[in-house]
N, C-alpha and C. Protein backbone atom coordinates (compact mmCIF):
# COMPACT_ATOMS: atom_id res chain seq x y z
N MET A 1 -28.11 2.82 56.52
CA MET A 1 -28.86 2.71 55.28
C MET A 1 -28.08 1.84 54.30
N ASP A 2 -28.76 0.96 53.62
CA ASP A 2 -28.14 0.07 52.64
C ASP A 2 -28.62 0.44 51.25
N LEU A 3 -27.81 0.10 50.26
CA LEU A 3 -28.17 0.37 48.87
C LEU A 3 -27.73 -0.79 48.01
N ASN A 4 -28.64 -1.34 47.24
CA ASN A 4 -28.35 -2.42 46.30
C ASN A 4 -28.81 -1.93 44.94
N LYS A 5 -27.91 -1.36 44.15
CA LYS A 5 -28.26 -0.76 42.86
C LYS A 5 -27.15 -1.06 41.87
N ALA A 6 -27.55 -1.44 40.67
CA ALA A 6 -26.59 -1.71 39.60
C ALA A 6 -27.02 -0.96 38.35
N PHE A 7 -26.06 -0.36 37.65
CA PHE A 7 -26.27 0.29 36.37
C PHE A 7 -25.26 -0.30 35.39
N ILE A 8 -25.74 -0.78 34.26
CA ILE A 8 -24.82 -1.24 33.21
C ILE A 8 -25.30 -0.72 31.86
N ILE A 9 -24.35 -0.43 30.99
CA ILE A 9 -24.64 -0.09 29.60
C ILE A 9 -23.79 -1.05 28.77
N GLY A 10 -24.45 -1.83 27.93
CA GLY A 10 -23.72 -2.80 27.14
C GLY A 10 -24.55 -3.28 25.97
N ARG A 11 -24.08 -4.36 25.39
CA ARG A 11 -24.75 -4.93 24.22
C ARG A 11 -25.33 -6.30 24.56
N MET A 12 -26.49 -6.57 23.96
CA MET A 12 -27.17 -7.84 24.16
C MET A 12 -26.31 -8.98 23.58
N THR A 13 -26.19 -10.08 24.33
CA THR A 13 -25.42 -11.22 23.85
C THR A 13 -26.27 -12.20 23.06
N ALA A 14 -27.60 -12.10 23.18
CA ALA A 14 -28.53 -12.98 22.45
C ALA A 14 -29.92 -12.35 22.50
N ASP A 15 -30.80 -12.80 21.64
CA ASP A 15 -32.19 -12.34 21.69
C ASP A 15 -32.84 -12.86 22.98
N PRO A 16 -33.60 -12.02 23.69
CA PRO A 16 -34.28 -12.50 24.89
C PRO A 16 -35.43 -13.45 24.52
N GLN A 17 -35.67 -14.42 25.37
CA GLN A 17 -36.75 -15.39 25.16
C GLN A 17 -37.76 -15.24 26.29
N LEU A 18 -39.00 -14.96 25.94
CA LEU A 18 -40.06 -14.75 26.92
C LEU A 18 -40.58 -16.09 27.43
N ARG A 19 -40.74 -16.20 28.74
CA ARG A 19 -41.34 -17.38 29.38
C ARG A 19 -42.43 -16.88 30.32
N THR A 20 -43.25 -17.78 30.78
CA THR A 20 -44.25 -17.41 31.78
C THR A 20 -44.14 -18.37 32.96
N THR A 21 -44.41 -17.86 34.14
CA THR A 21 -44.41 -18.69 35.34
C THR A 21 -45.71 -19.49 35.38
N PRO A 22 -45.80 -20.50 36.24
CA PRO A 22 -47.06 -21.24 36.36
C PRO A 22 -48.25 -20.34 36.72
N SER A 23 -47.98 -19.23 37.40
CA SER A 23 -49.07 -18.31 37.76
C SER A 23 -49.40 -17.34 36.62
N GLY A 24 -48.65 -17.41 35.50
CA GLY A 24 -48.96 -16.59 34.33
C GLY A 24 -48.16 -15.31 34.20
N GLN A 25 -47.20 -15.06 35.09
CA GLN A 25 -46.40 -13.84 35.01
C GLN A 25 -45.28 -14.01 33.98
N ALA A 26 -45.08 -12.97 33.15
CA ALA A 26 -44.03 -13.01 32.12
C ALA A 26 -42.66 -12.76 32.74
N VAL A 27 -41.66 -13.49 32.26
CA VAL A 27 -40.28 -13.32 32.72
C VAL A 27 -39.35 -13.59 31.55
N THR A 28 -38.28 -12.82 31.46
CA THR A 28 -37.25 -13.09 30.46
C THR A 28 -35.89 -12.90 31.11
N THR A 29 -34.96 -13.74 30.70
CA THR A 29 -33.58 -13.65 31.16
C THR A 29 -32.72 -13.44 29.93
N PHE A 30 -31.82 -12.47 30.00
CA PHE A 30 -30.95 -12.22 28.86
C PHE A 30 -29.59 -11.77 29.34
N GLY A 31 -28.62 -11.87 28.45
CA GLY A 31 -27.25 -11.50 28.78
C GLY A 31 -26.88 -10.15 28.18
N VAL A 32 -26.07 -9.40 28.92
CA VAL A 32 -25.54 -8.13 28.45
C VAL A 32 -24.03 -8.17 28.67
N ALA A 33 -23.27 -7.79 27.66
CA ALA A 33 -21.81 -7.74 27.76
C ALA A 33 -21.37 -6.29 27.89
N THR A 34 -20.47 -6.04 28.84
CA THR A 34 -19.87 -4.72 29.00
C THR A 34 -18.37 -4.85 28.79
N ASN A 35 -17.77 -3.83 28.20
CA ASN A 35 -16.34 -3.85 27.92
C ASN A 35 -15.64 -2.78 28.74
N ARG A 36 -14.38 -3.05 29.07
CA ARG A 36 -13.54 -2.08 29.75
C ARG A 36 -12.24 -2.01 28.98
N ARG A 37 -11.80 -0.80 28.68
CA ARG A 37 -10.54 -0.59 27.95
C ARG A 37 -9.60 0.24 28.81
N TRP A 38 -8.34 -0.11 28.80
CA TRP A 38 -7.33 0.64 29.53
C TRP A 38 -5.97 0.40 28.90
N ARG A 39 -5.00 1.19 29.32
CA ARG A 39 -3.62 1.01 28.87
C ARG A 39 -2.82 0.46 30.03
N ASP A 40 -2.01 -0.57 29.72
CA ASP A 40 -1.18 -1.15 30.76
C ASP A 40 0.08 -0.30 30.96
N LYS A 41 0.95 -0.73 31.86
CA LYS A 41 2.15 0.06 32.17
C LYS A 41 3.04 0.26 30.96
N ALA A 42 3.01 -0.68 30.02
CA ALA A 42 3.83 -0.57 28.81
C ALA A 42 3.16 0.32 27.77
N GLY A 43 1.95 0.77 28.02
CA GLY A 43 1.24 1.63 27.08
C GLY A 43 0.40 0.89 26.06
N ALA A 44 0.36 -0.43 26.17
CA ALA A 44 -0.44 -1.23 25.23
C ALA A 44 -1.92 -1.18 25.64
N GLN A 45 -2.78 -1.08 24.64
CA GLN A 45 -4.23 -1.05 24.90
C GLN A 45 -4.69 -2.44 25.30
N GLN A 46 -5.44 -2.51 26.41
CA GLN A 46 -6.00 -3.76 26.91
C GLN A 46 -7.52 -3.64 26.90
N GLU A 47 -8.18 -4.78 26.78
CA GLU A 47 -9.64 -4.80 26.80
C GLU A 47 -10.11 -6.05 27.54
N ASP A 48 -11.18 -5.88 28.30
CA ASP A 48 -11.74 -6.98 29.07
C ASP A 48 -13.26 -6.92 28.95
N ALA A 49 -13.90 -8.05 28.80
CA ALA A 49 -15.37 -8.11 28.70
C ALA A 49 -15.92 -8.78 29.95
N GLU A 50 -17.03 -8.26 30.42
CA GLU A 50 -17.76 -8.81 31.56
C GLU A 50 -19.15 -9.17 31.06
N PHE A 51 -19.67 -10.32 31.48
CA PHE A 51 -20.98 -10.77 31.04
C PHE A 51 -21.94 -10.80 32.22
N HIS A 52 -23.11 -10.18 32.05
CA HIS A 52 -24.09 -10.03 33.11
C HIS A 52 -25.38 -10.73 32.71
N THR A 53 -26.03 -11.36 33.68
CA THR A 53 -27.34 -11.95 33.46
C THR A 53 -28.39 -11.00 34.04
N VAL A 54 -29.38 -10.65 33.21
CA VAL A 54 -30.43 -9.71 33.60
C VAL A 54 -31.76 -10.45 33.57
N VAL A 55 -32.59 -10.23 34.59
CA VAL A 55 -33.92 -10.83 34.65
C VAL A 55 -34.95 -9.71 34.67
N ALA A 56 -35.88 -9.74 33.73
CA ALA A 56 -36.97 -8.75 33.67
C ALA A 56 -38.29 -9.47 33.85
N TRP A 57 -39.20 -8.80 34.56
CA TRP A 57 -40.50 -9.39 34.89
C TRP A 57 -41.64 -8.58 34.31
N GLY A 58 -42.79 -9.24 34.14
CA GLY A 58 -44.03 -8.56 33.76
C GLY A 58 -43.95 -7.87 32.40
N ARG A 59 -44.51 -6.67 32.36
CA ARG A 59 -44.56 -5.92 31.10
C ARG A 59 -43.16 -5.58 30.59
N GLN A 60 -42.21 -5.35 31.51
CA GLN A 60 -40.84 -5.09 31.07
C GLN A 60 -40.27 -6.30 30.32
N ALA A 61 -40.58 -7.50 30.76
CA ALA A 61 -40.11 -8.70 30.08
C ALA A 61 -40.68 -8.76 28.66
N GLU A 62 -41.96 -8.42 28.52
CA GLU A 62 -42.59 -8.43 27.20
C GLU A 62 -41.96 -7.38 26.29
N ILE A 63 -41.71 -6.19 26.81
CA ILE A 63 -41.10 -5.12 26.01
C ILE A 63 -39.67 -5.47 25.64
N ALA A 64 -38.91 -6.03 26.57
CA ALA A 64 -37.54 -6.43 26.28
C ALA A 64 -37.51 -7.45 25.15
N THR A 65 -38.42 -8.41 25.20
CA THR A 65 -38.49 -9.44 24.16
C THR A 65 -38.87 -8.84 22.81
N GLN A 66 -39.75 -7.85 22.83
CA GLN A 66 -40.22 -7.24 21.59
C GLN A 66 -39.16 -6.34 20.94
N TYR A 67 -38.45 -5.54 21.73
CA TYR A 67 -37.57 -4.52 21.18
C TYR A 67 -36.08 -4.86 21.18
N LEU A 68 -35.62 -5.71 22.07
CA LEU A 68 -34.19 -5.98 22.17
C LEU A 68 -33.80 -7.17 21.31
N LYS A 69 -32.71 -7.01 20.60
CA LYS A 69 -32.17 -8.08 19.76
C LYS A 69 -30.68 -8.21 20.03
N LYS A 70 -30.11 -9.33 19.66
CA LYS A 70 -28.68 -9.57 19.84
C LYS A 70 -27.89 -8.42 19.23
N GLY A 71 -26.92 -7.90 19.98
CA GLY A 71 -26.06 -6.81 19.51
C GLY A 71 -26.59 -5.42 19.82
N ALA A 72 -27.86 -5.31 20.23
CA ALA A 72 -28.44 -4.00 20.54
C ALA A 72 -27.86 -3.44 21.83
N MET A 73 -27.67 -2.12 21.86
CA MET A 73 -27.19 -1.48 23.07
C MET A 73 -28.35 -1.23 24.01
N VAL A 74 -28.12 -1.42 25.31
CA VAL A 74 -29.17 -1.25 26.31
C VAL A 74 -28.55 -0.75 27.61
N LEU A 75 -29.31 0.08 28.32
CA LEU A 75 -28.94 0.49 29.67
C LEU A 75 -29.88 -0.21 30.62
N ILE A 76 -29.33 -0.84 31.64
CA ILE A 76 -30.12 -1.56 32.64
C ILE A 76 -29.86 -0.93 34.00
N GLU A 77 -30.94 -0.67 34.71
CA GLU A 77 -30.86 -0.24 36.10
C GLU A 77 -31.62 -1.28 36.90
N GLY A 78 -31.00 -1.76 37.97
CA GLY A 78 -31.67 -2.77 38.77
C GLY A 78 -30.95 -3.04 40.06
N ARG A 79 -31.26 -4.18 40.64
CA ARG A 79 -30.62 -4.57 41.89
C ARG A 79 -29.98 -5.94 41.70
N LEU A 80 -28.95 -6.21 42.47
CA LEU A 80 -28.27 -7.49 42.40
C LEU A 80 -28.96 -8.51 43.29
N ARG A 81 -29.06 -9.72 42.78
CA ARG A 81 -29.61 -10.82 43.56
C ARG A 81 -28.74 -12.05 43.31
N THR A 82 -28.31 -12.68 44.38
CA THR A 82 -27.55 -13.92 44.28
C THR A 82 -28.44 -15.05 44.77
N ARG A 83 -28.50 -16.09 43.99
CA ARG A 83 -29.29 -17.24 44.39
C ARG A 83 -28.46 -18.51 44.22
N SER A 84 -28.81 -19.51 44.97
CA SER A 84 -28.09 -20.78 44.89
C SER A 84 -29.09 -21.93 44.79
N TRP A 85 -28.63 -23.02 44.23
CA TRP A 85 -29.47 -24.20 44.06
C TRP A 85 -28.59 -25.44 43.94
N THR A 86 -29.21 -26.58 44.09
CA THR A 86 -28.53 -27.86 43.94
C THR A 86 -29.13 -28.58 42.76
N ASP A 87 -28.28 -29.07 41.85
CA ASP A 87 -28.78 -29.73 40.64
C ASP A 87 -29.06 -31.21 40.89
N LYS A 88 -29.44 -31.92 39.82
CA LYS A 88 -29.81 -33.34 39.92
C LYS A 88 -28.67 -34.21 40.42
N ASN A 89 -27.42 -33.78 40.15
CA ASN A 89 -26.24 -34.53 40.57
C ASN A 89 -25.76 -34.12 41.96
N ASN A 90 -26.57 -33.37 42.68
CA ASN A 90 -26.29 -32.91 44.04
C ASN A 90 -25.11 -31.93 44.09
N ALA A 91 -24.87 -31.24 42.99
CA ALA A 91 -23.81 -30.23 42.95
C ALA A 91 -24.43 -28.87 43.25
N SER A 92 -23.76 -28.08 44.08
CA SER A 92 -24.25 -26.76 44.44
C SER A 92 -23.81 -25.74 43.40
N HIS A 93 -24.70 -24.81 43.08
CA HIS A 93 -24.42 -23.74 42.12
C HIS A 93 -24.85 -22.41 42.72
N LYS A 94 -24.20 -21.35 42.27
CA LYS A 94 -24.52 -20.00 42.72
C LYS A 94 -24.42 -19.07 41.53
N THR A 95 -25.34 -18.12 41.43
CA THR A 95 -25.29 -17.13 40.35
C THR A 95 -25.76 -15.79 40.88
N THR A 96 -25.21 -14.73 40.32
CA THR A 96 -25.63 -13.38 40.66
C THR A 96 -26.25 -12.76 39.42
N GLU A 97 -27.45 -12.21 39.57
CA GLU A 97 -28.21 -11.63 38.47
C GLU A 97 -28.56 -10.19 38.79
N ILE A 98 -28.86 -9.43 37.75
CA ILE A 98 -29.40 -8.09 37.92
C ILE A 98 -30.90 -8.19 37.67
N ILE A 99 -31.69 -7.85 38.68
CA ILE A 99 -33.15 -7.82 38.53
C ILE A 99 -33.49 -6.45 37.97
N CYS A 100 -34.00 -6.43 36.76
CA CYS A 100 -34.24 -5.19 36.03
C CYS A 100 -35.39 -4.39 36.65
N GLU A 101 -35.09 -3.15 37.01
CA GLU A 101 -36.11 -2.23 37.49
C GLU A 101 -36.42 -1.17 36.44
N ARG A 102 -35.46 -0.93 35.55
CA ARG A 102 -35.64 0.05 34.47
C ARG A 102 -34.70 -0.34 33.34
N LEU A 103 -35.20 -0.27 32.12
CA LEU A 103 -34.32 -0.49 30.98
C LEU A 103 -34.52 0.64 29.98
N GLN A 104 -33.43 1.00 29.34
CA GLN A 104 -33.48 2.04 28.32
C GLN A 104 -32.88 1.47 27.05
N LEU A 105 -33.66 1.52 26.00
CA LEU A 105 -33.22 1.00 24.72
C LEU A 105 -32.22 1.96 24.11
N GLY A 106 -31.18 1.42 23.53
CA GLY A 106 -30.15 2.25 22.89
C GLY A 106 -30.60 2.68 21.50
N PRO A 107 -29.71 3.38 20.80
CA PRO A 107 -30.06 3.84 19.45
C PRO A 107 -30.31 2.66 18.53
N ARG A 108 -31.26 2.85 17.62
CA ARG A 108 -31.55 1.79 16.65
C ARG A 108 -30.51 1.80 15.55
N PRO A 109 -30.16 0.62 15.03
CA PRO A 109 -29.21 0.57 13.92
C PRO A 109 -29.79 1.22 12.67
N ALA A 110 -28.93 1.72 11.81
CA ALA A 110 -29.37 2.36 10.57
C ALA A 110 -30.20 1.38 9.75
N GLY A 111 -31.29 1.89 9.17
CA GLY A 111 -32.13 1.07 8.32
C GLY A 111 -33.17 0.25 9.06
N SER A 112 -33.29 0.45 10.38
CA SER A 112 -34.27 -0.34 11.13
C SER A 112 -35.65 0.28 11.10
N GLY A 113 -35.77 1.54 10.65
CA GLY A 113 -37.08 2.19 10.56
C GLY A 113 -37.60 2.55 11.92
N GLY A 114 -38.83 3.02 12.00
CA GLY A 114 -39.45 3.34 13.28
C GLY A 114 -39.04 4.69 13.80
N ALA A 115 -38.52 4.73 15.00
CA ALA A 115 -38.19 5.99 15.66
C ALA A 115 -36.99 6.65 15.02
N ASP A 116 -36.78 7.93 15.39
CA ASP A 116 -35.62 8.66 14.91
C ASP A 116 -34.37 7.88 15.25
N LYS A 117 -33.44 7.82 14.33
CA LYS A 117 -32.20 7.10 14.58
C LYS A 117 -31.40 7.87 15.62
N GLY A 118 -30.75 7.13 16.52
CA GLY A 118 -29.95 7.73 17.54
C GLY A 118 -30.74 8.19 18.75
N VAL A 119 -32.03 8.01 18.76
CA VAL A 119 -32.85 8.43 19.89
C VAL A 119 -33.00 7.25 20.84
N ALA A 120 -32.61 7.46 22.08
CA ALA A 120 -32.75 6.40 23.07
C ALA A 120 -34.19 6.37 23.56
N GLN A 121 -34.66 5.19 23.86
CA GLN A 121 -36.02 5.03 24.36
C GLN A 121 -35.95 4.36 25.72
N SER A 122 -36.80 4.76 26.63
CA SER A 122 -36.75 4.28 28.00
C SER A 122 -38.02 3.56 28.38
N VAL A 123 -37.86 2.47 29.12
CA VAL A 123 -38.99 1.75 29.68
C VAL A 123 -38.69 1.64 31.16
N ALA A 124 -39.48 2.34 31.98
CA ALA A 124 -39.18 2.41 33.40
C ALA A 124 -40.37 1.93 34.22
N ALA A 125 -40.13 1.84 35.49
CA ALA A 125 -41.18 1.50 36.43
C ALA A 125 -41.42 2.73 37.31
N PRO A 126 -42.01 3.80 36.75
CA PRO A 126 -42.21 5.01 37.54
C PRO A 126 -43.31 4.83 38.57
N SER A 127 -43.29 5.69 39.56
CA SER A 127 -44.31 5.58 40.59
C SER A 127 -45.68 6.02 40.09
N GLY A 128 -45.70 7.01 39.17
CA GLY A 128 -46.99 7.50 38.67
C GLY A 128 -47.65 6.55 37.70
N GLY A 129 -46.88 5.91 36.83
CA GLY A 129 -47.43 4.97 35.88
C GLY A 129 -48.22 5.61 34.75
N GLU A 130 -48.10 6.92 34.57
CA GLU A 130 -48.84 7.61 33.50
C GLU A 130 -48.12 7.43 32.18
N PRO A 131 -48.83 7.23 31.08
CA PRO A 131 -48.18 7.10 29.79
C PRO A 131 -47.50 8.40 29.41
N ARG A 132 -46.38 8.27 28.72
CA ARG A 132 -45.66 9.44 28.25
C ARG A 132 -46.30 9.95 26.97
N PRO A 133 -46.36 11.26 26.80
CA PRO A 133 -46.95 11.80 25.57
C PRO A 133 -46.06 11.51 24.37
N SER A 134 -46.68 11.45 23.20
CA SER A 134 -45.93 11.25 21.97
C SER A 134 -45.01 12.43 21.75
N ASP A 135 -43.84 12.19 21.19
CA ASP A 135 -42.84 13.22 21.08
C ASP A 135 -42.46 13.45 19.62
N GLY A 136 -43.22 14.20 18.89
CA GLY A 136 -42.85 14.51 17.50
C GLY A 136 -42.77 13.26 16.66
N GLY A 137 -41.88 12.94 15.86
CA GLY A 137 -41.83 11.75 15.03
C GLY A 137 -41.34 10.52 15.74
N ARG A 138 -41.17 10.58 17.05
CA ARG A 138 -40.63 9.44 17.78
C ARG A 138 -41.71 8.42 18.10
N GLU A 139 -41.32 7.17 18.12
CA GLU A 139 -42.22 6.08 18.46
C GLU A 139 -42.48 6.12 19.96
N GLU A 140 -43.73 6.00 20.36
CA GLU A 140 -44.06 6.02 21.77
C GLU A 140 -43.77 4.66 22.38
N VAL A 141 -43.04 4.66 23.48
CA VAL A 141 -42.70 3.44 24.19
C VAL A 141 -43.56 3.37 25.43
N PRO A 142 -44.23 2.26 25.68
CA PRO A 142 -45.13 2.18 26.83
C PRO A 142 -44.38 2.27 28.15
N THR A 143 -45.05 2.82 29.14
CA THR A 143 -44.51 2.90 30.49
C THR A 143 -44.86 1.62 31.21
N VAL A 144 -43.89 1.07 31.94
CA VAL A 144 -44.10 -0.15 32.68
C VAL A 144 -44.19 0.21 34.15
N ASP A 145 -45.26 -0.18 34.79
CA ASP A 145 -45.48 0.10 36.20
C ASP A 145 -45.44 -1.21 36.96
N ILE A 146 -44.43 -1.35 37.80
CA ILE A 146 -44.29 -2.58 38.57
C ILE A 146 -44.79 -2.29 39.98
N GLU A 147 -45.91 -2.92 40.34
CA GLU A 147 -46.48 -2.68 41.65
C GLU A 147 -46.33 -3.89 42.56
N ASP A 148 -46.32 -5.07 42.00
CA ASP A 148 -46.26 -6.28 42.82
C ASP A 148 -44.82 -6.73 42.99
N ASP A 149 -44.51 -7.22 44.18
CA ASP A 149 -43.20 -7.80 44.42
C ASP A 149 -43.15 -9.18 43.78
N ILE A 150 -41.97 -9.63 43.45
CA ILE A 150 -41.77 -10.94 42.86
C ILE A 150 -41.79 -11.96 43.97
N LYS A 151 -42.55 -13.03 43.79
CA LYS A 151 -42.65 -14.08 44.77
C LYS A 151 -41.74 -15.24 44.36
N MET A 152 -41.07 -15.84 45.32
CA MET A 152 -40.14 -16.94 45.05
C MET A 152 -40.87 -18.11 44.37
N GLU A 153 -42.15 -18.34 44.68
CA GLU A 153 -42.86 -19.45 44.09
C GLU A 153 -43.18 -19.21 42.60
N ASP A 154 -43.05 -17.96 42.15
CA ASP A 154 -43.30 -17.65 40.74
C ASP A 154 -42.06 -17.87 39.87
N LEU A 155 -40.90 -18.05 40.47
CA LEU A 155 -39.67 -18.24 39.71
C LEU A 155 -39.71 -19.56 38.95
N PRO A 156 -39.39 -19.53 37.65
CA PRO A 156 -39.48 -20.75 36.84
C PRO A 156 -38.25 -21.65 36.99
N PHE A 157 -37.29 -21.29 37.80
CA PHE A 157 -36.07 -22.09 37.93
C PHE A 157 -35.73 -22.33 39.36
C-alpha cells in the first residue's frame, strides 16, 4: 500500500490569484511558508523557513481566493505532485507542489469582523458533500465537493 499525503500549517506568502483553464475550471496557486525552530548544540535558538507551492482547483480555488490573504494562517491537506517541463531556452525545470484536497482557514486577525475571532474554518472535499449547518454566530463556510479528477490538458502551465 502506498500513501502520498502532505499536511502543512503556515502563513500565506502572497494573496492567491484565481485563474481559469481553457475548459473553464478555476485554479489558484499560492505559497505557504512554514517555520521550524530548534536549539543547536551551543543552546542558541535557530530558525529555518520552508516555502511550499499549493495548487487548489474548482470551488476550493474560488474560496481560497476569497478568504485567504497574505500573512493569513492556513492548514493544507493534500498530495505531493512533481512535474517537469522545458522552457523556451530548452532548459529543464522541475517543481514539487501540494495539490490541495482540504484547506482550513486559520483564525481571523483582530478587527476583521465576520466570524468569531480565533475560530478556525474548514473547507473540505467530503464524500457526502452536504452543507454544514450554521453554528451560532459563526460564518458558514461552504463545503467543497471534488468529484472530477484533474486532467493534464486542463493545466494552465
